[in-house]
C-alpha atoms as a PDB file:
ATOM      1  CA  MET A   1       0.097   0.488   0.556  1.00  0.00           C
ATOM      2  CA  PRO A   2       1.667   3.308  -0.731  1.00  0.00           C
ATOM      3  CA  VAL A   3       2.483   6.288   1.704  1.00  0.00           C
ATOM      4  CA  VAL A   4       2.024   9.868   1.862  1.00  0.00           C
ATOM      5  CA  SER A   5       3.690  11.213   4.399  1.00  0.00           C
ATOM      6  CA  ILE A   6       1.861  15.070   5.155  1.00  0.00           C
ATOM      7  CA  PHE A   7       4.399  17.581   6.412  1.00  0.00           C
ATOM      8  CA  GLY A   8       2.997  21.225   8.344  1.00  0.00           C
ATOM      9  CA  SER A   9       3.310  23.216  11.617  1.00  0.00           C
ATOM     10  CA  SER A  10       2.670  20.982  15.024  1.00  0.00           C
ATOM     11  CA  HIS A  11       0.384  25.244  15.933  1.00  0.00           C
ATOM     12  CA  PHE A  12      -2.620  24.033  14.052  1.00  0.00           C
ATOM     13  CA  LYS A  13      -5.439  23.486  17.086  1.00  0.00           C
ATOM     14  CA  PRO A  14      -9.010  21.851  15.944  1.00  0.00           C
ATOM     15  CA  ASP A  15     -10.576  24.674  15.910  1.00  0.00           C
ATOM     16  CA  SER A  16      -8.049  26.222  12.951  1.00  0.00           C
ATOM     17  CA  LEU A  17      -9.259  25.911   9.436  1.00  0.00           C
ATOM     18  CA  GLU A  18      -5.995  24.788   9.023  1.00  0.00           C
ATOM     19  CA  TYR A  19      -6.178  21.045  11.225  1.00  0.00           C
ATOM     20  CA  GLU A  20      -9.669  21.167   9.919  1.00  0.00           C
ATOM     21  CA  ASP A  21      -7.534  20.682   6.294  1.00  0.00           C
ATOM     22  CA  ALA A  22      -5.678  18.546   7.510  1.00  0.00           C
ATOM     23  CA  GLN A  23      -8.122  15.837   8.880  1.00  0.00           C
ATOM     24  CA  LEU A  24      -9.781  16.040   5.415  1.00  0.00           C
ATOM     25  CA  VAL A  25      -6.901  14.970   3.883  1.00  0.00           C
ATOM     26  CA  GLY A  26      -6.307  11.992   6.069  1.00  0.00           C
ATOM     27  CA  LYS A  27      -9.286  10.776   5.774  1.00  0.00           C
ATOM     28  CA  LEU A  28      -9.504  11.281   2.218  1.00  0.00           C
ATOM     29  CA  LEU A  29      -6.535  10.084   1.260  1.00  0.00           C
ATOM     30  CA  ALA A  30      -7.631   6.729   3.641  1.00  0.00           C
ATOM     31  CA  ASP A  31     -10.694   6.374   2.175  1.00  0.00           C
ATOM     32  CA  ALA A  32      -8.575   5.873  -0.972  1.00  0.00           C
ATOM     33  CA  GLY A  33      -6.124   3.086   0.339  1.00  0.00           C
ATOM     34  CA  PHE A  34      -3.565   4.986   1.448  1.00  0.00           C
ATOM     35  CA  ASP A  35      -1.506   4.163   4.505  1.00  0.00           C
ATOM     36  CA  ILE A  36      -0.133   7.859   5.878  1.00  0.00           C
ATOM     37  CA  ALA A  37       2.885   8.828   7.274  1.00  0.00           C
ATOM     38  CA  THR A  38       4.028  12.154  10.177  1.00  0.00           C
ATOM     39  CA  GLY A  39       5.866  13.251  13.083  1.00  0.00           C
ATOM     40  CA  GLY A  40       3.339  12.136  14.820  1.00  0.00           C
ATOM     41  CA  TYR A  41       2.532  15.045  17.353  1.00  0.00           C
ATOM     42  CA  GLY A  42       0.110  17.814  17.338  1.00  0.00           C
ATOM     43  CA  GLY A  43      -1.539  20.255  14.919  1.00  0.00           C
ATOM     44  CA  ILE A  44      -1.618  19.116  10.964  1.00  0.00           C
ATOM     45  CA  MET A  45       0.313  15.787  12.603  1.00  0.00           C
ATOM     46  CA  GLU A  46      -2.366  14.748  14.706  1.00  0.00           C
ATOM     47  CA  ALA A  47      -5.341  16.740  12.393  1.00  0.00           C
ATOM     48  CA  ALA A  48      -4.495  13.744   9.190  1.00  0.00           C
ATOM     49  CA  LEU A  49      -3.766  10.671  11.182  1.00  0.00           C
ATOM     50  CA  LYS A  50      -7.201  12.116  13.341  1.00  0.00           C
ATOM     51  CA  GLY A  51      -8.867  12.321   9.491  1.00  0.00           C
ATOM     52  CA  ALA A  52      -7.471   8.420   8.578  1.00  0.00           C
ATOM     53  CA  ASN A  53      -8.248   6.943  12.490  1.00  0.00           C
ATOM     54  CA  GLY A  54     -11.044   4.110  11.721  1.00  0.00           C
ATOM     55  CA  THR A  55      -9.827   2.862   9.089  1.00  0.00           C
ATOM     56  CA  ASN A  56      -7.665   0.524   7.667  1.00  0.00           C
ATOM     57  CA  VAL A  57      -4.905   1.489   6.959  1.00  0.00           C
ATOM     58  CA  LYS A  58      -1.195   2.429   9.083  1.00  0.00           C
ATOM     59  CA  ARG A  59      -0.539   5.471  10.593  1.00  0.00           C
ATOM     60  CA  PHE A  60       2.764   6.541  11.375  1.00  0.00           C
ATOM     61  CA  GLY A  61       4.267   9.102  13.150  1.00  0.00           C
ATOM     62  CA  VAL A  62       7.923   9.361  13.137  1.00  0.00           C
ATOM     63  CA  THR A  63       8.744  10.841  15.980  1.00  0.00           C
ATOM     64  CA  SER A  64      12.288  11.960  17.919  1.00  0.00           C
ATOM     65  CA  LYS A  65      13.879  11.042  21.312  1.00  0.00           C
ATOM     66  CA  ILE A  66      15.340  14.936  21.143  1.00  0.00           C
ATOM     67  CA  PHE A  67      11.527  16.122  21.894  1.00  0.00           C
ATOM     68  CA  THR A  68      11.960  15.266  25.766  1.00  0.00           C
ATOM     69  CA  SER A  69       8.796  17.558  25.773  1.00  0.00           C
ATOM     70  CA  ARG A  70       6.278  16.099  23.071  1.00  0.00           C
ATOM     71  CA  THR A  71       4.782  12.751  23.482  1.00  0.00           C
ATOM     72  CA  LYS A  72       3.486  11.080  20.451  1.00  0.00           C
ATOM     73  CA  ASN A  73      -0.487  12.052  19.042  1.00  0.00           C
ATOM     74  CA  PRO A  74      -2.890   9.411  20.640  1.00  0.00           C
ATOM     75  CA  PHE A  75      -3.824   8.876  16.293  1.00  0.00           C
ATOM     76  CA  VAL A  76      -0.886   7.383  15.607  1.00  0.00           C
ATOM     77  CA  SER A  77      -0.802   3.070  15.315  1.00  0.00           C
ATOM     78  CA  ASP A  78       2.728   2.571  14.519  1.00  0.00           C
ATOM     79  CA  GLU A  79       5.284   4.825  15.785  1.00  0.00           C
ATOM     80  CA  ILE A  80       8.279   4.832  14.412  1.00  0.00           C
ATOM     81  CA  ILE A  81      11.343   6.162  16.865  1.00  0.00           C
ATOM     82  CA  LYS A  82      14.436   8.340  15.836  1.00  0.00           C
ATOM     83  CA  ASP A  83      17.353   9.780  17.571  1.00  0.00           C
ATOM     84  CA  THR A  84      17.766  12.755  15.825  1.00  0.00           C
ATOM     85  CA  TYR A  85      15.602  15.657  14.059  1.00  0.00           C
ATOM     86  CA  LEU A  86      17.744  15.199  11.173  1.00  0.00           C
ATOM     87  CA  ASP A  87      16.719  11.375  10.709  1.00  0.00           C
ATOM     88  CA  ARG A  88      13.248  11.762  11.654  1.00  0.00           C
ATOM     89  CA  THR A  89      13.281  14.227   8.375  1.00  0.00           C
ATOM     90  CA  TYR A  90      15.206  11.782   6.267  1.00  0.00           C
ATOM     91  CA  GLU A  91      12.667   8.151   7.474  1.00  0.00           C
ATOM     92  CA  LEU A  92       9.562  10.452   6.701  1.00  0.00           C
ATOM     93  CA  ILE A  93      11.006  11.145   3.446  1.00  0.00           C
ATOM     94  CA  ASN A  94      12.372   7.957   3.045  1.00  0.00           C
ATOM     95  CA  LEU A  95       9.533   6.272   3.926  1.00  0.00           C
ATOM     96  CA  ALA A  96       6.977   7.722   1.918  1.00  0.00           C
ATOM     97  CA  ASP A  97       5.629   7.604  -2.339  1.00  0.00           C
ATOM     98  CA  ALA A  98       4.536  11.313  -2.110  1.00  0.00           C
ATOM     99  CA  TYR A  99       4.089  13.662   0.026  1.00  0.00           C
ATOM    100  CA  ILE A 100       2.051  17.181   0.926  1.00  0.00           C
ATOM    101  CA  VAL A 101       2.776  19.424   2.297  1.00  0.00           C
ATOM    102  CA  LEU A 102       0.644  21.791   4.365  1.00  0.00           C
ATOM    103  CA  PRO A 103       0.994  25.365   6.149  1.00  0.00           C
ATOM    104  CA  GLY A 104       4.056  24.995   8.180  1.00  0.00           C
ATOM    105  CA  GLY A 105       6.827  26.663  10.167  1.00  0.00           C
ATOM    106  CA  THR A 106      10.831  26.343   9.867  1.00  0.00           C
ATOM    107  CA  GLY A 107      10.771  22.412   9.777  1.00  0.00           C
ATOM    108  CA  THR A 108       8.041  22.103   6.969  1.00  0.00           C
ATOM    109  CA  LEU A 109      10.164  24.360   4.945  1.00  0.00           C
ATOM    110  CA  LEU A 110      13.157  22.124   5.542  1.00  0.00           C
ATOM    111  CA  GLU A 111      11.414  18.735   4.488  1.00  0.00           C
ATOM    112  CA  LEU A 112       9.732  20.385   1.860  1.00  0.00           C
ATOM    113  CA  ALA A 113      12.900  21.844   0.504  1.00  0.00           C
ATOM    114  CA  ALA A 114      14.879  18.360   0.783  1.00  0.00           C
ATOM    115  CA  ILE A 115      12.968  16.733  -0.689  1.00  0.00           C
ATOM    116  CA  TRP A 116      12.745  18.948  -3.599  1.00  0.00           C
ATOM    117  CA  ALA A 117      16.466  19.286  -3.742  1.00  0.00           C
ATOM    118  CA  LEU A 118      16.903  14.879  -3.837  1.00  0.00           C
ATOM    119  CA  LYS A 119      13.901  15.272  -6.865  1.00  0.00           C
ATOM    120  CA  GLU A 120      15.684  18.114  -8.846  1.00  0.00           C
ATOM    121  CA  LYS A 121      19.499  16.105  -8.807  1.00  0.00           C
ATOM    122  CA  LYS A 122      17.411  12.535  -9.168  1.00  0.00           C
ATOM    123  CA  ILE A 123      18.606  11.228  -6.081  1.00  0.00           C
ATOM    124  CA  MET A 124      15.024   9.763  -5.228  1.00  0.00           C
ATOM    125  CA  LYS A 125      12.619   8.523  -7.592  1.00  0.00           C
ATOM    126  CA  ASP A 126      10.152  10.305  -9.035  1.00  0.00           C
ATOM    127  CA  LYS A 127       7.531  11.133  -6.449  1.00  0.00           C
ATOM    128  CA  PRO A 128       4.146  13.580  -5.765  1.00  0.00           C
ATOM    129  CA  LEU A 129       5.142  16.674  -4.255  1.00  0.00           C
ATOM    130  CA  VAL A 130       1.704  18.545  -3.681  1.00  0.00           C
ATOM    131  CA  CYS A 131       1.881  21.753  -1.790  1.00  0.00           C
ATOM    132  CA  ILE A 132      -1.471  23.439  -0.413  1.00  0.00           C
ATOM    133  CA  GLY A 133      -2.042  26.972   0.113  1.00  0.00           C
ATOM    134  CA  ASP A 134      -0.440  30.590  -0.343  1.00  0.00           C
ATOM    135  CA  GLN A 135       2.953  29.984   2.030  1.00  0.00           C
ATOM    136  CA  TRP A 136       3.938  27.716  -0.308  1.00  0.00           C
ATOM    137  CA  ASN A 137       3.473  29.500  -3.799  1.00  0.00           C
ATOM    138  CA  GLU A 138       5.460  32.436  -1.932  1.00  0.00           C
ATOM    139  CA  VAL A 139       8.223  30.640  -1.364  1.00  0.00           C
ATOM    140  CA  ILE A 140       8.787  28.683  -4.573  1.00  0.00           C
ATOM    141  CA  GLN A 141       8.074  31.939  -6.678  1.00  0.00           C
ATOM    142  CA  THR A 142      11.044  33.189  -4.319  1.00  0.00           C
ATOM    143  CA  MET A 143      12.818  30.017  -5.920  1.00  0.00           C
ATOM    144  CA  GLU A 144      11.900  31.047  -8.912  1.00  0.00           C
ATOM    145  CA  PHE A 145      13.005  34.674  -8.858  1.00  0.00           C
ATOM    146  CA  TYR A 146      16.538  34.198  -7.570  1.00  0.00           C
ATOM    147  CA  SER A 147      17.694  31.076  -9.719  1.00  0.00           C
ATOM    148  CA  ASP A 148      17.381  30.428 -13.560  1.00  0.00           C
ATOM    149  CA  ALA A 149      17.631  26.778 -13.013  1.00  0.00           C
ATOM    150  CA  ALA A 150      14.673  26.733 -10.495  1.00  0.00           C
ATOM    151  CA  ILE A 151      12.179  27.811 -13.097  1.00  0.00           C
ATOM    152  CA  ASP A 152      12.963  24.159 -14.758  1.00  0.00           C
ATOM    153  CA  GLN A 153      12.766  23.025 -11.130  1.00  0.00           C
ATOM    154  CA  PHE A 154       9.523  24.078 -10.471  1.00  0.00           C
ATOM    155  CA  GLU A 155       7.564  21.421 -12.437  1.00  0.00           C
ATOM    156  CA  LEU A 156       8.492  19.263  -9.646  1.00  0.00           C
ATOM    157  CA  ILE A 157       6.290  20.862  -7.000  1.00  0.00           C
ATOM    158  CA  GLU A 158       2.258  20.936  -7.383  1.00  0.00           C
ATOM    159  CA  HIS A 159       0.637  23.756  -5.698  1.00  0.00           C
ATOM    160  CA  VAL A 160      -2.915  23.389  -5.334  1.00  0.00           C
ATOM    161  CA  ASP A 161      -5.470  25.519  -3.043  1.00  0.00           C
ATOM    162  CA  SER A 162      -7.357  23.325  -0.931  1.00  0.00           C
ATOM    163  CA  GLY A 163      -6.457  19.535   0.559  1.00  0.00           C
ATOM    164  CA  GLU A 164      -9.210  17.480  -1.644  1.00  0.00           C
ATOM    165  CA  GLU A 165      -7.495  19.003  -4.980  1.00  0.00           C
ATOM    166  CA  ALA A 166      -4.107  17.498  -3.114  1.00  0.00           C
ATOM    167  CA  VAL A 167      -5.652  13.680  -2.945  1.00  0.00           C
ATOM    168  CA  ARG A 168      -7.000  14.392  -6.226  1.00  0.00           C
ATOM    169  CA  ILE A 169      -2.848  14.389  -7.615  1.00  0.00           C
ATOM    170  CA  ILE A 170      -1.629  11.555  -5.464  1.00  0.00           C
ATOM    171  CA  ILE A 171      -4.609   9.660  -6.110  1.00  0.00           C
ATOM    172  CA  ARG A 172      -4.200  10.122 -10.232  1.00  0.00           C
ATOM    173  CA  TYR A 173      -0.811   9.361  -9.483  1.00  0.00           C
ATOM    174  CA  PHE A 174      -1.158   5.518  -8.219  1.00  0.00           C
ATOM    175  CA  ASN A 175      -4.035   4.846 -11.048  1.00  0.00           C
ATOM    176  CA  LYS A 176      -2.355   6.458 -13.894  1.00  0.00           C
ATOM    177  CA  ASP A 177      -1.253   2.823 -15.254  1.00  0.00           C
END
């Protein structure tokens, strides 16, 4: 079963639109039969796994020993504990067959940049990378503005406005055969 890693901020609360969108993304992916991986903590990570809860898919939470004050969220079915933050990031990237990036901070930016760089350098096989929201559109456009090479790289990332659009792209990619 393909795994989709979902990235986003731990700071969004259940009453936020971002949390609700992540929960919908998790539900739609799980309903389509995808296993889901997140960083395993709160916010977007919790919401995505909460949306997938009650379905017959794996809900991976990739946590790290360095976050001593955090605990995994209750919707994690399979916890993978890594020693370092970068090991955790690598595991989330390596584990997945596709990626969805929701609004986030520097950690989410690191994850997006790592995947983008690995795709651009052809270090990883082609995997869908879909960003949701204006925040990432601005980041992508900024990179495009400052780098002629980024213009060619722009096609490595899909940018959409909603979780439903992101999930449609992922489903279409895996149903192309």
